[in-house]
N, C-alpha and C. Protein backbone atom coordinates (compact mmCIF):
# COMPACT_ATOMS: atom_id res chain seq x y z
N UNK A 1 -0.40 -42.41 1.05
CA UNK A 1 0.10 -41.29 0.28
C UNK A 1 0.05 -40.04 1.17
N UNK A 2 1.17 -39.34 1.27
CA UNK A 2 1.18 -38.11 2.07
C UNK A 2 0.61 -36.95 1.26
N UNK A 3 0.44 -35.82 1.91
CA UNK A 3 -0.19 -34.66 1.25
C UNK A 3 0.61 -34.14 0.07
N UNK A 4 1.94 -34.11 0.19
CA UNK A 4 2.78 -33.64 -0.92
C UNK A 4 2.57 -34.53 -2.13
N UNK A 5 2.64 -35.85 -1.93
CA UNK A 5 2.44 -36.79 -3.03
C UNK A 5 1.04 -36.64 -3.63
N UNK A 6 0.04 -36.42 -2.77
CA UNK A 6 -1.32 -36.23 -3.26
C UNK A 6 -1.41 -34.99 -4.15
N UNK A 7 -0.82 -33.88 -3.70
CA UNK A 7 -0.85 -32.64 -4.50
C UNK A 7 -0.15 -32.87 -5.83
N UNK A 8 1.02 -33.53 -5.79
CA UNK A 8 1.75 -33.82 -7.04
C UNK A 8 0.90 -34.64 -8.00
N UNK A 9 0.14 -35.60 -7.47
CA UNK A 9 -0.67 -36.45 -8.34
C UNK A 9 -1.92 -35.72 -8.83
N UNK A 10 -2.38 -34.72 -8.08
CA UNK A 10 -3.63 -34.03 -8.44
C UNK A 10 -3.41 -32.90 -9.44
N UNK A 11 -2.21 -32.36 -9.50
CA UNK A 11 -1.94 -31.20 -10.36
C UNK A 11 -0.76 -31.47 -11.28
N UNK A 12 -0.84 -31.00 -12.51
CA UNK A 12 0.35 -31.08 -13.37
C UNK A 12 1.40 -30.08 -12.87
N UNK A 13 2.65 -30.39 -13.14
CA UNK A 13 3.74 -29.52 -12.68
C UNK A 13 3.58 -28.10 -13.20
N UNK A 14 3.00 -27.93 -14.39
CA UNK A 14 2.80 -26.58 -14.94
C UNK A 14 1.89 -25.75 -14.04
N UNK A 15 0.88 -26.39 -13.43
CA UNK A 15 -0.01 -25.67 -12.52
C UNK A 15 0.70 -25.34 -11.21
N UNK A 16 1.55 -26.23 -10.75
CA UNK A 16 2.32 -25.95 -9.54
C UNK A 16 3.27 -24.79 -9.80
N UNK A 17 3.87 -24.75 -10.98
CA UNK A 17 4.76 -23.64 -11.33
C UNK A 17 3.98 -22.33 -11.43
N UNK A 18 2.77 -22.38 -11.97
CA UNK A 18 1.93 -21.17 -12.02
C UNK A 18 1.60 -20.70 -10.61
N UNK A 19 1.28 -21.64 -9.73
CA UNK A 19 1.00 -21.30 -8.32
C UNK A 19 2.25 -20.70 -7.68
N UNK A 20 3.42 -21.30 -7.96
CA UNK A 20 4.67 -20.78 -7.42
C UNK A 20 4.90 -19.34 -7.88
N UNK A 21 4.67 -19.07 -9.15
CA UNK A 21 4.86 -17.71 -9.66
C UNK A 21 3.93 -16.73 -8.95
N UNK A 22 2.68 -17.12 -8.76
CA UNK A 22 1.72 -16.26 -8.07
C UNK A 22 2.16 -16.00 -6.63
N UNK A 23 2.58 -17.06 -5.95
CA UNK A 23 3.00 -16.91 -4.55
C UNK A 23 4.27 -16.07 -4.44
N UNK A 24 5.17 -16.20 -5.41
CA UNK A 24 6.38 -15.36 -5.41
C UNK A 24 6.02 -13.89 -5.54
N UNK A 25 5.05 -13.60 -6.40
CA UNK A 25 4.59 -12.22 -6.54
C UNK A 25 4.00 -11.69 -5.25
N UNK A 26 3.25 -12.54 -4.56
CA UNK A 26 2.67 -12.11 -3.28
C UNK A 26 3.75 -11.93 -2.22
N UNK A 27 4.81 -12.74 -2.27
CA UNK A 27 5.92 -12.57 -1.33
C UNK A 27 6.65 -11.26 -1.60
N UNK A 28 6.82 -10.93 -2.86
CA UNK A 28 7.44 -9.64 -3.21
C UNK A 28 6.64 -8.49 -2.60
N UNK A 29 5.33 -8.53 -2.78
CA UNK A 29 4.47 -7.48 -2.24
C UNK A 29 4.56 -7.43 -0.71
N UNK A 30 4.58 -8.60 -0.07
CA UNK A 30 4.66 -8.65 1.40
C UNK A 30 5.99 -8.10 1.90
N UNK A 31 7.07 -8.40 1.19
CA UNK A 31 8.39 -7.87 1.58
C UNK A 31 8.43 -6.35 1.47
N UNK A 32 7.87 -5.83 0.40
CA UNK A 32 7.85 -4.38 0.22
C UNK A 32 6.95 -3.70 1.26
N UNK A 33 5.83 -4.33 1.57
CA UNK A 33 4.93 -3.78 2.60
C UNK A 33 5.63 -3.78 3.96
N UNK A 34 6.35 -4.86 4.27
CA UNK A 34 7.10 -4.93 5.53
C UNK A 34 8.15 -3.83 5.59
N UNK A 35 8.85 -3.61 4.49
CA UNK A 35 9.85 -2.54 4.44
C UNK A 35 9.20 -1.19 4.73
N UNK A 36 8.04 -0.94 4.12
CA UNK A 36 7.35 0.32 4.36
C UNK A 36 6.91 0.46 5.81
N UNK A 37 6.45 -0.65 6.40
CA UNK A 37 6.02 -0.61 7.80
C UNK A 37 7.20 -0.38 8.73
N UNK A 38 8.36 -0.93 8.38
CA UNK A 38 9.55 -0.79 9.21
C UNK A 38 10.18 0.60 9.10
N UNK A 39 9.94 1.27 7.99
CA UNK A 39 10.55 2.58 7.74
C UNK A 39 9.44 3.59 7.48
N UNK A 40 8.76 4.02 8.53
CA UNK A 40 7.58 4.86 8.35
C UNK A 40 7.85 6.24 7.78
N UNK A 41 9.12 6.65 7.68
CA UNK A 41 9.40 7.96 7.12
C UNK A 41 9.34 7.95 5.59
N UNK A 42 9.15 6.77 5.01
CA UNK A 42 8.97 6.67 3.56
C UNK A 42 7.50 6.78 3.22
N UNK A 43 7.09 6.03 2.24
CA UNK A 43 5.68 6.02 1.84
C UNK A 43 4.85 5.36 2.94
N UNK A 44 3.87 6.05 3.50
CA UNK A 44 3.14 5.51 4.65
C UNK A 44 2.24 4.33 4.27
N UNK A 45 2.01 3.45 5.25
CA UNK A 45 1.10 2.33 5.09
C UNK A 45 0.30 2.18 6.38
N UNK A 46 -0.96 1.83 6.27
CA UNK A 46 -1.75 1.62 7.49
C UNK A 46 -1.39 0.32 8.20
N UNK A 47 -0.58 -0.49 7.59
CA UNK A 47 -0.18 -1.79 8.13
C UNK A 47 0.97 -1.60 9.13
N UNK A 48 0.84 -2.19 10.32
CA UNK A 48 1.93 -2.08 11.29
C UNK A 48 2.95 -3.21 11.06
N UNK A 49 4.10 -3.13 11.72
CA UNK A 49 5.18 -4.10 11.50
C UNK A 49 4.72 -5.51 11.83
N UNK A 50 4.01 -5.68 12.92
CA UNK A 50 3.55 -7.01 13.33
C UNK A 50 2.66 -7.65 12.27
N UNK A 51 1.72 -6.90 11.76
CA UNK A 51 0.81 -7.39 10.72
C UNK A 51 1.58 -7.67 9.42
N UNK A 52 2.48 -6.79 9.06
CA UNK A 52 3.28 -6.96 7.84
C UNK A 52 4.19 -8.18 7.95
N UNK A 53 4.76 -8.39 9.13
CA UNK A 53 5.64 -9.54 9.34
C UNK A 53 4.85 -10.85 9.27
N UNK A 54 3.64 -10.86 9.83
CA UNK A 54 2.79 -12.05 9.75
C UNK A 54 2.49 -12.39 8.30
N UNK A 55 2.17 -11.38 7.51
CA UNK A 55 1.87 -11.61 6.08
C UNK A 55 3.12 -12.08 5.34
N UNK A 56 4.28 -11.51 5.68
CA UNK A 56 5.54 -11.92 5.06
C UNK A 56 5.80 -13.40 5.35
N UNK A 57 5.61 -13.82 6.61
CA UNK A 57 5.80 -15.24 6.96
C UNK A 57 4.82 -16.13 6.21
N UNK A 58 3.59 -15.69 6.12
CA UNK A 58 2.56 -16.47 5.42
C UNK A 58 2.93 -16.68 3.95
N UNK A 59 3.36 -15.63 3.29
CA UNK A 59 3.73 -15.72 1.88
C UNK A 59 5.02 -16.52 1.69
N UNK A 60 5.94 -16.40 2.64
CA UNK A 60 7.16 -17.21 2.58
C UNK A 60 6.81 -18.69 2.65
N UNK A 61 5.90 -19.04 3.55
CA UNK A 61 5.47 -20.44 3.68
C UNK A 61 4.81 -20.92 2.39
N UNK A 62 3.99 -20.08 1.77
CA UNK A 62 3.34 -20.46 0.52
C UNK A 62 4.37 -20.77 -0.57
N UNK A 63 5.39 -19.94 -0.68
CA UNK A 63 6.44 -20.15 -1.68
C UNK A 63 7.19 -21.45 -1.39
N UNK A 64 7.55 -21.67 -0.13
CA UNK A 64 8.29 -22.88 0.23
C UNK A 64 7.47 -24.14 -0.01
N UNK A 65 6.17 -24.08 0.24
CA UNK A 65 5.31 -25.23 -0.04
C UNK A 65 5.30 -25.53 -1.54
N UNK A 66 5.15 -24.50 -2.36
CA UNK A 66 5.16 -24.72 -3.80
C UNK A 66 6.49 -25.31 -4.28
N UNK A 67 7.59 -24.83 -3.71
CA UNK A 67 8.89 -25.38 -4.08
C UNK A 67 8.99 -26.85 -3.68
N UNK A 68 8.47 -27.19 -2.53
CA UNK A 68 8.52 -28.57 -2.07
C UNK A 68 7.68 -29.48 -2.95
N UNK A 69 6.56 -28.98 -3.43
CA UNK A 69 5.69 -29.78 -4.29
C UNK A 69 6.28 -29.95 -5.69
N UNK A 70 7.05 -28.99 -6.13
CA UNK A 70 7.63 -29.06 -7.48
C UNK A 70 8.57 -30.25 -7.56
N UNK A 71 8.22 -31.20 -8.37
CA UNK A 71 8.99 -32.45 -8.47
C UNK A 71 10.46 -32.25 -8.77
N UNK A 72 10.77 -31.51 -9.81
CA UNK A 72 12.14 -31.44 -10.29
C UNK A 72 13.08 -30.79 -9.30
N UNK A 73 12.59 -29.82 -8.54
CA UNK A 73 13.48 -29.13 -7.60
C UNK A 73 13.91 -30.03 -6.45
N UNK A 74 13.02 -30.92 -6.02
CA UNK A 74 13.29 -31.71 -4.83
C UNK A 74 13.76 -33.12 -5.12
N UNK A 75 14.08 -33.43 -6.37
CA UNK A 75 14.70 -34.73 -6.65
C UNK A 75 16.06 -34.75 -6.00
N UNK A 76 16.50 -35.91 -5.60
CA UNK A 76 17.75 -36.02 -4.84
C UNK A 76 18.95 -35.46 -5.61
N UNK A 77 18.92 -35.48 -6.94
CA UNK A 77 20.06 -34.97 -7.70
C UNK A 77 20.07 -33.46 -7.78
N UNK A 78 18.92 -32.80 -7.71
CA UNK A 78 18.93 -31.35 -7.87
C UNK A 78 19.09 -30.58 -6.57
N UNK A 79 18.77 -31.16 -5.43
CA UNK A 79 18.93 -30.44 -4.16
C UNK A 79 20.40 -30.06 -3.94
N UNK A 80 21.36 -30.99 -4.10
CA UNK A 80 22.76 -30.57 -3.93
C UNK A 80 23.16 -29.48 -4.92
N UNK A 81 22.65 -29.55 -6.14
CA UNK A 81 22.96 -28.52 -7.14
C UNK A 81 22.45 -27.16 -6.68
N UNK A 82 21.23 -27.10 -6.17
CA UNK A 82 20.67 -25.84 -5.68
C UNK A 82 21.48 -25.35 -4.49
N UNK A 83 21.86 -26.24 -3.59
CA UNK A 83 22.65 -25.84 -2.42
C UNK A 83 24.01 -25.28 -2.83
N UNK A 84 24.64 -25.86 -3.84
CA UNK A 84 25.92 -25.34 -4.34
C UNK A 84 25.73 -23.93 -4.90
N UNK A 85 24.70 -23.76 -5.70
CA UNK A 85 24.41 -22.44 -6.28
C UNK A 85 24.13 -21.43 -5.18
N UNK A 86 23.38 -21.85 -4.16
CA UNK A 86 23.09 -20.95 -3.04
C UNK A 86 24.38 -20.51 -2.34
N UNK A 87 25.28 -21.45 -2.07
CA UNK A 87 26.55 -21.09 -1.42
C UNK A 87 27.34 -20.09 -2.26
N UNK A 88 27.37 -20.30 -3.57
CA UNK A 88 28.08 -19.38 -4.46
C UNK A 88 27.44 -17.99 -4.43
N UNK A 89 26.12 -17.94 -4.43
CA UNK A 89 25.43 -16.65 -4.41
C UNK A 89 25.62 -15.92 -3.08
N UNK A 90 25.61 -16.66 -1.98
CA UNK A 90 25.85 -16.05 -0.66
C UNK A 90 27.25 -15.48 -0.61
N UNK A 91 28.23 -16.23 -1.09
CA UNK A 91 29.62 -15.75 -1.09
C UNK A 91 29.75 -14.49 -1.96
N UNK A 92 29.10 -14.49 -3.11
CA UNK A 92 29.18 -13.34 -4.01
C UNK A 92 28.52 -12.11 -3.39
N UNK A 93 27.38 -12.30 -2.74
CA UNK A 93 26.67 -11.20 -2.09
C UNK A 93 27.53 -10.61 -0.98
N UNK A 94 28.12 -11.48 -0.14
CA UNK A 94 28.98 -11.00 0.94
C UNK A 94 30.20 -10.27 0.38
N UNK A 95 30.77 -10.81 -0.68
CA UNK A 95 31.92 -10.17 -1.31
C UNK A 95 31.56 -8.77 -1.80
N UNK A 96 30.42 -8.66 -2.46
CA UNK A 96 30.00 -7.35 -2.99
C UNK A 96 29.75 -6.35 -1.86
N UNK A 97 29.16 -6.82 -0.77
CA UNK A 97 28.95 -5.93 0.37
C UNK A 97 30.27 -5.47 0.96
N UNK A 98 31.22 -6.38 1.07
CA UNK A 98 32.55 -6.02 1.58
C UNK A 98 33.27 -5.07 0.63
N UNK A 99 33.11 -5.31 -0.64
CA UNK A 99 33.72 -4.46 -1.66
C UNK A 99 33.12 -3.05 -1.59
N UNK A 100 31.82 -2.95 -1.40
CA UNK A 100 31.15 -1.66 -1.32
C UNK A 100 31.64 -0.91 -0.07
N UNK A 101 31.81 -1.62 1.03
CA UNK A 101 32.28 -0.97 2.25
C UNK A 101 33.70 -0.43 2.10
N UNK A 102 34.53 -1.17 1.36
CA UNK A 102 35.92 -0.72 1.19
C UNK A 102 36.01 0.43 0.20
N UNK A 103 34.97 0.63 -0.62
CA UNK A 103 34.96 1.74 -1.58
C UNK A 103 34.63 3.07 -0.91
N UNK A 104 34.09 3.03 0.30
CA UNK A 104 33.66 4.26 0.97
C UNK A 104 34.81 5.07 1.48
């Protein structure tokens, strides 16, 4: 049994989802801290860009691990569905950015 399978067997999916929610919140905080470190003319932070980026990567990894452990997301039938939705969202985001540029 690999580690992912062990985690799945040791925890109910509801607990993995709770962990995912917690890690997503920490990723949000890390992203905002990184933004503040990158743009020091805003609200100051004692954290430098290197430290903020390390924390951002750490929290990103935590979120991705939780997603991988979540059974329903990684079933073979749902991965293509998520990838299709991602492509649609990327296209919409790019379209909106292009639309905003043409409005200027």
